[in-house]
C-alpha cells in the first residue's frame, strides 16, 4: 500500500503499514483505439485482485485533462517503454504540490 506523506506522519499509521512507492516507469497513454494522448511516469502499486497506478509528470497534461473532463474519456491503454501494455480506467485526477496534475488509474487487465 502506498500512502501519502501526511498519512505517514499521522500517529494512527504504524511504520509497518507504510511502504515505499514503486519505482516509476515511463509509458505512453493511449485511447483504446491506439491514439496517443500523452506520456507519463507511472507508479504502480499492487492491490488484491489487480493494480492501481498514479500518472505523474505528464508531457501534455492538458490533453489528458481535456479528454477526461470534456470528452468523458475513462478507458485508456498504457504502453510502457519496456514493451508491456495494459488497459486501465481513469479513476480521478488531482493536483499535487499545488501545480502538478496527476491521474489515478485502476488496472482493468494484467500488465503484459
N, C-alpha and C. Protein backbone atom coordinates (compact mmCIF):
# COMPACT_ATOMS: atom_id res chain seq x y z
N UNK A 1 0.85 -1.17 0.00
CA UNK A 1 0.00 0.00 0.00
C UNK A 1 0.89 1.22 0.00
N UNK A 2 0.60 2.22 -0.82
CA UNK A 2 1.31 3.47 -0.83
C UNK A 2 0.42 4.50 -0.19
N UNK A 3 0.95 5.24 0.77
CA UNK A 3 0.16 6.27 1.44
C UNK A 3 0.88 7.60 1.34
N UNK A 4 0.16 8.66 1.52
CA UNK A 4 0.74 9.99 1.38
C UNK A 4 1.62 10.32 2.58
N UNK A 5 2.44 11.37 2.41
CA UNK A 5 3.31 11.81 3.49
C UNK A 5 2.50 12.25 4.69
N UNK A 6 1.36 12.90 4.47
CA UNK A 6 0.53 13.35 5.59
C UNK A 6 0.02 12.15 6.37
N UNK A 7 -0.43 11.11 5.66
CA UNK A 7 -0.90 9.92 6.36
C UNK A 7 0.24 9.23 7.09
N UNK A 8 1.43 9.21 6.50
CA UNK A 8 2.56 8.54 7.13
C UNK A 8 2.95 9.22 8.43
N UNK A 9 2.74 10.53 8.50
CA UNK A 9 3.10 11.26 9.71
C UNK A 9 2.04 11.13 10.79
N UNK A 10 0.89 10.63 10.41
CA UNK A 10 -0.20 10.51 11.37
C UNK A 10 0.09 9.39 12.36
N UNK A 11 -0.21 9.58 13.64
CA UNK A 11 0.06 8.55 14.64
C UNK A 11 -0.80 7.30 14.46
N UNK A 12 -1.87 7.36 13.69
CA UNK A 12 -2.71 6.18 13.53
C UNK A 12 -2.09 5.15 12.58
N UNK A 13 -1.04 5.52 11.86
CA UNK A 13 -0.37 4.60 10.95
C UNK A 13 0.96 4.18 11.56
N UNK A 14 1.16 2.89 11.67
CA UNK A 14 2.45 2.42 12.19
C UNK A 14 3.44 2.36 11.05
N UNK A 15 4.72 2.27 11.38
CA UNK A 15 5.77 2.16 10.37
C UNK A 15 5.57 0.92 9.53
N UNK A 16 5.01 -0.12 10.10
CA UNK A 16 4.81 -1.37 9.36
C UNK A 16 3.74 -1.21 8.28
N UNK A 17 2.85 -0.23 8.39
CA UNK A 17 1.80 -0.08 7.41
C UNK A 17 2.21 0.79 6.24
N UNK A 18 3.40 1.39 6.27
CA UNK A 18 3.84 2.23 5.17
C UNK A 18 4.76 1.43 4.26
N UNK A 19 4.71 1.77 3.00
CA UNK A 19 5.58 1.13 2.03
C UNK A 19 6.15 2.20 1.11
N UNK A 20 7.34 1.96 0.63
CA UNK A 20 7.95 2.90 -0.30
C UNK A 20 7.19 2.85 -1.62
N UNK A 21 7.03 4.00 -2.27
CA UNK A 21 6.37 3.99 -3.57
C UNK A 21 7.13 3.12 -4.57
N UNK A 22 6.39 2.53 -5.47
CA UNK A 22 7.01 1.71 -6.51
C UNK A 22 7.82 2.62 -7.43
N UNK A 23 8.89 2.10 -8.02
CA UNK A 23 9.65 2.93 -8.95
C UNK A 23 8.76 3.31 -10.14
N UNK A 24 8.95 4.51 -10.63
CA UNK A 24 8.13 4.99 -11.75
C UNK A 24 8.68 4.47 -13.06
N UNK A 25 7.77 4.02 -13.90
CA UNK A 25 8.08 3.59 -15.25
C UNK A 25 7.56 4.66 -16.20
N UNK A 26 8.10 4.73 -17.38
CA UNK A 26 7.59 5.67 -18.38
C UNK A 26 6.63 4.92 -19.29
N UNK A 27 5.49 5.56 -19.63
CA UNK A 27 4.52 4.92 -20.51
C UNK A 27 3.79 5.96 -21.34
N UNK A 28 3.41 5.56 -22.54
CA UNK A 28 2.51 6.36 -23.35
C UNK A 28 1.09 6.05 -22.90
N UNK A 29 0.25 7.07 -22.85
CA UNK A 29 -1.16 6.89 -22.53
C UNK A 29 -1.91 7.04 -23.85
N UNK A 30 -2.64 5.97 -24.22
CA UNK A 30 -3.33 5.92 -25.50
C UNK A 30 -4.82 5.72 -25.28
N UNK A 31 -5.61 6.10 -26.28
CA UNK A 31 -7.02 5.72 -26.26
C UNK A 31 -7.07 4.22 -26.54
N UNK A 32 -8.21 3.61 -26.35
CA UNK A 32 -8.34 2.17 -26.61
C UNK A 32 -8.23 1.85 -28.09
N UNK A 33 -8.31 2.88 -28.94
CA UNK A 33 -8.12 2.66 -30.38
C UNK A 33 -6.69 2.98 -30.81
N UNK A 34 -5.83 3.30 -29.84
CA UNK A 34 -4.41 3.50 -30.14
C UNK A 34 -3.98 4.92 -30.41
N UNK A 35 -4.84 5.90 -30.23
CA UNK A 35 -4.48 7.29 -30.45
C UNK A 35 -3.68 7.80 -29.25
N UNK A 36 -2.44 8.30 -29.48
CA UNK A 36 -1.63 8.82 -28.36
C UNK A 36 -2.26 10.07 -27.74
N UNK A 37 -2.23 10.12 -26.40
CA UNK A 37 -2.75 11.29 -25.68
C UNK A 37 -1.61 12.04 -25.01
N UNK A 38 -0.79 11.32 -24.27
CA UNK A 38 0.32 11.92 -23.53
C UNK A 38 1.27 10.81 -23.13
N UNK A 39 2.35 11.16 -22.49
CA UNK A 39 3.20 10.16 -21.84
C UNK A 39 3.37 10.59 -20.40
N UNK A 40 3.72 9.62 -19.55
CA UNK A 40 3.75 9.90 -18.11
C UNK A 40 4.70 8.97 -17.39
N UNK A 41 5.12 9.39 -16.20
CA UNK A 41 5.78 8.49 -15.26
C UNK A 41 4.65 7.76 -14.54
N UNK A 42 4.74 6.45 -14.46
CA UNK A 42 3.67 5.64 -13.89
C UNK A 42 4.20 4.90 -12.67
N UNK A 43 3.64 5.20 -11.50
CA UNK A 43 3.99 4.49 -10.27
C UNK A 43 2.89 3.47 -9.99
N UNK A 44 3.23 2.20 -10.08
CA UNK A 44 2.25 1.13 -9.96
C UNK A 44 2.29 0.56 -8.55
N UNK A 45 1.12 0.28 -8.02
CA UNK A 45 1.03 -0.42 -6.75
C UNK A 45 0.11 -1.62 -6.94
N UNK A 46 0.55 -2.75 -6.43
CA UNK A 46 -0.27 -3.96 -6.49
C UNK A 46 -1.37 -3.88 -5.46
N UNK A 47 -2.50 -4.41 -5.82
CA UNK A 47 -3.64 -4.48 -4.91
C UNK A 47 -4.23 -5.86 -5.03
N UNK A 48 -4.95 -6.25 -4.03
CA UNK A 48 -5.61 -7.54 -4.08
C UNK A 48 -6.55 -7.55 -5.29
N UNK A 49 -6.34 -8.48 -6.18
CA UNK A 49 -7.17 -8.59 -7.36
C UNK A 49 -6.77 -7.68 -8.51
N UNK A 50 -5.64 -7.00 -8.43
CA UNK A 50 -5.25 -6.14 -9.54
C UNK A 50 -4.17 -5.15 -9.21
N UNK A 51 -4.24 -4.00 -9.82
CA UNK A 51 -3.24 -2.95 -9.62
C UNK A 51 -3.87 -1.58 -9.80
N UNK A 52 -3.19 -0.59 -9.28
CA UNK A 52 -3.58 0.82 -9.39
C UNK A 52 -2.30 1.59 -9.70
N UNK A 53 -2.42 2.69 -10.39
CA UNK A 53 -1.23 3.47 -10.72
C UNK A 53 -1.52 4.96 -10.67
N UNK A 54 -0.47 5.72 -10.38
CA UNK A 54 -0.53 7.17 -10.43
C UNK A 54 0.28 7.62 -11.63
N UNK A 55 -0.34 8.45 -12.47
CA UNK A 55 0.33 9.01 -13.64
C UNK A 55 0.81 10.41 -13.27
N UNK A 56 2.12 10.62 -13.33
CA UNK A 56 2.73 11.92 -12.98
C UNK A 56 3.63 12.38 -14.12
N UNK A 57 4.04 13.63 -14.02
CA UNK A 57 4.97 14.22 -14.99
C UNK A 57 4.49 14.00 -16.43
N UNK A 58 3.22 14.28 -16.64
CA UNK A 58 2.64 14.14 -17.98
C UNK A 58 3.28 15.16 -18.91
N UNK A 59 3.63 14.74 -20.13
CA UNK A 59 4.22 15.71 -21.05
C UNK A 59 3.16 16.62 -21.66
N UNK A 60 1.89 16.19 -21.68
CA UNK A 60 0.78 17.02 -22.17
C UNK A 60 -0.42 16.86 -21.22
N UNK A 61 -0.31 17.40 -20.01
CA UNK A 61 -1.39 17.20 -19.04
C UNK A 61 -2.72 17.76 -19.51
N UNK A 62 -2.70 18.84 -20.26
CA UNK A 62 -3.94 19.43 -20.76
C UNK A 62 -4.69 18.52 -21.71
N UNK A 63 -3.95 17.74 -22.50
CA UNK A 63 -4.58 16.81 -23.44
C UNK A 63 -5.39 15.76 -22.69
N UNK A 64 -4.78 15.16 -21.65
CA UNK A 64 -5.47 14.13 -20.89
C UNK A 64 -6.60 14.73 -20.06
N UNK A 65 -6.36 15.90 -19.49
CA UNK A 65 -7.41 16.56 -18.69
C UNK A 65 -8.62 16.89 -19.57
N UNK A 66 -8.38 17.40 -20.74
CA UNK A 66 -9.48 17.73 -21.64
C UNK A 66 -10.23 16.48 -22.07
N UNK A 67 -9.51 15.42 -22.40
CA UNK A 67 -10.16 14.17 -22.81
C UNK A 67 -10.98 13.59 -21.66
N UNK A 68 -10.48 13.73 -20.43
CA UNK A 68 -11.17 13.19 -19.25
C UNK A 68 -12.38 14.04 -18.87
N UNK A 69 -12.18 15.35 -18.70
CA UNK A 69 -13.25 16.21 -18.20
C UNK A 69 -14.26 16.60 -19.28
N UNK A 70 -13.79 16.89 -20.49
CA UNK A 70 -14.68 17.35 -21.55
C UNK A 70 -15.16 16.18 -22.41
N UNK A 71 -14.22 15.33 -22.81
CA UNK A 71 -14.57 14.21 -23.69
C UNK A 71 -15.07 12.98 -22.97
N UNK A 72 -15.04 13.00 -21.64
CA UNK A 72 -15.52 11.88 -20.80
C UNK A 72 -14.73 10.59 -21.02
N UNK A 73 -13.46 10.72 -21.44
CA UNK A 73 -12.60 9.55 -21.61
C UNK A 73 -12.39 8.87 -20.27
N UNK A 74 -12.57 7.58 -20.21
CA UNK A 74 -12.35 6.82 -18.98
C UNK A 74 -11.40 5.65 -19.21
N UNK A 75 -11.51 4.98 -20.33
CA UNK A 75 -10.69 3.80 -20.59
C UNK A 75 -9.49 4.16 -21.45
N UNK A 76 -8.30 3.75 -21.00
CA UNK A 76 -7.07 4.04 -21.71
C UNK A 76 -6.20 2.78 -21.77
N UNK A 77 -5.16 2.87 -22.57
CA UNK A 77 -4.14 1.82 -22.65
C UNK A 77 -2.82 2.46 -22.26
N UNK A 78 -2.09 1.82 -21.37
CA UNK A 78 -0.74 2.25 -21.02
C UNK A 78 0.23 1.38 -21.81
N UNK A 79 1.09 2.02 -22.59
CA UNK A 79 2.10 1.31 -23.38
C UNK A 79 3.45 1.68 -22.78
N UNK A 80 4.00 0.77 -21.99
CA UNK A 80 5.24 1.02 -21.26
C UNK A 80 6.45 0.98 -22.19
N UNK A 81 7.48 1.74 -21.84
CA UNK A 81 8.71 1.79 -22.63
C UNK A 81 9.37 0.43 -22.79
N UNK A 82 9.11 -0.50 -21.84
CA UNK A 82 9.73 -1.82 -21.92
C UNK A 82 8.93 -2.79 -22.81
N UNK A 83 7.87 -2.29 -23.47
CA UNK A 83 7.09 -3.11 -24.39
C UNK A 83 5.80 -3.69 -23.83
N UNK A 84 5.62 -3.65 -22.53
CA UNK A 84 4.39 -4.17 -21.93
C UNK A 84 3.24 -3.18 -22.14
N UNK A 85 2.03 -3.70 -22.13
CA UNK A 85 0.84 -2.86 -22.23
C UNK A 85 -0.21 -3.32 -21.24
N UNK A 86 -1.14 -2.44 -20.94
CA UNK A 86 -2.26 -2.79 -20.06
C UNK A 86 -3.37 -1.79 -20.24
N UNK A 87 -4.59 -2.28 -20.17
CA UNK A 87 -5.76 -1.40 -20.17
C UNK A 87 -6.03 -0.94 -18.74
N UNK A 88 -6.53 0.30 -18.64
CA UNK A 88 -6.84 0.86 -17.33
C UNK A 88 -8.02 1.81 -17.45
N UNK A 89 -8.66 2.07 -16.32
CA UNK A 89 -9.78 3.01 -16.25
C UNK A 89 -9.33 4.18 -15.38
N UNK A 90 -9.52 5.40 -15.88
CA UNK A 90 -9.16 6.58 -15.11
C UNK A 90 -10.12 6.70 -13.93
N UNK A 91 -9.55 6.73 -12.73
CA UNK A 91 -10.36 6.80 -11.51
C UNK A 91 -10.52 8.22 -11.00
N UNK A 92 -9.63 9.13 -11.44
CA UNK A 92 -9.73 10.51 -10.99
C UNK A 92 -8.48 11.30 -11.27
N UNK A 93 -8.55 12.58 -10.96
CA UNK A 93 -7.44 13.49 -11.18
C UNK A 93 -7.36 14.44 -10.00
N UNK A 94 -6.16 14.92 -9.73
CA UNK A 94 -5.95 15.88 -8.65
C UNK A 94 -4.67 16.64 -8.92
N UNK A 95 -4.45 17.69 -8.14
CA UNK A 95 -3.20 18.43 -8.20
C UNK A 95 -2.35 18.06 -7.00
N UNK A 96 -1.06 17.93 -7.20
CA UNK A 96 -0.12 17.73 -6.10
C UNK A 96 0.88 18.87 -6.14
N UNK A 97 1.35 19.23 -4.98
CA UNK A 97 2.31 20.32 -4.90
C UNK A 97 1.76 21.65 -5.41
N UNK A 98 0.45 21.74 -5.48
CA UNK A 98 -0.17 22.98 -5.91
C UNK A 98 -0.18 23.23 -7.40
N UNK A 99 0.57 22.44 -8.19
CA UNK A 99 0.64 22.76 -9.60
C UNK A 99 0.63 21.56 -10.54
N UNK A 100 1.08 20.41 -10.09
CA UNK A 100 1.19 19.27 -10.99
C UNK A 100 -0.10 18.45 -11.00
N UNK A 101 -0.69 18.31 -12.18
CA UNK A 101 -1.89 17.47 -12.32
C UNK A 101 -1.45 16.02 -12.43
N UNK A 102 -2.06 15.16 -11.63
CA UNK A 102 -1.81 13.72 -11.70
C UNK A 102 -3.14 13.01 -11.89
N UNK A 103 -3.07 11.82 -12.45
CA UNK A 103 -4.24 10.99 -12.65
C UNK A 103 -4.03 9.66 -11.95
N UNK A 104 -5.11 9.13 -11.41
CA UNK A 104 -5.12 7.79 -10.82
C UNK A 104 -5.85 6.87 -11.78
N UNK A 105 -5.28 5.70 -12.03
CA UNK A 105 -5.94 4.72 -12.89
C UNK A 105 -6.01 3.39 -12.18
N UNK A 106 -7.05 2.63 -12.49
CA UNK A 106 -7.24 1.28 -11.98
C UNK A 106 -7.03 0.31 -13.13
N UNK A 107 -6.18 -0.69 -12.94
CA UNK A 107 -5.97 -1.67 -13.99
C UNK A 107 -7.22 -2.48 -14.25
N UNK A 108 -7.56 -2.67 -15.53
CA UNK A 108 -8.71 -3.49 -15.88
C UNK A 108 -8.28 -4.80 -16.50
N UNK A 109 -6.96 -4.98 -16.64
CA UNK A 109 -6.39 -6.23 -17.09
C UNK A 109 -4.95 -6.29 -16.59
N UNK A 110 -4.35 -7.47 -16.56
CA UNK A 110 -2.96 -7.58 -16.11
C UNK A 110 -2.02 -6.83 -17.06
N UNK A 111 -0.88 -6.41 -16.52
CA UNK A 111 0.15 -5.76 -17.32
C UNK A 111 0.93 -6.86 -18.03
N UNK A 112 0.87 -6.87 -19.34
CA UNK A 112 1.54 -7.92 -20.14
C UNK A 112 2.64 -7.34 -20.99
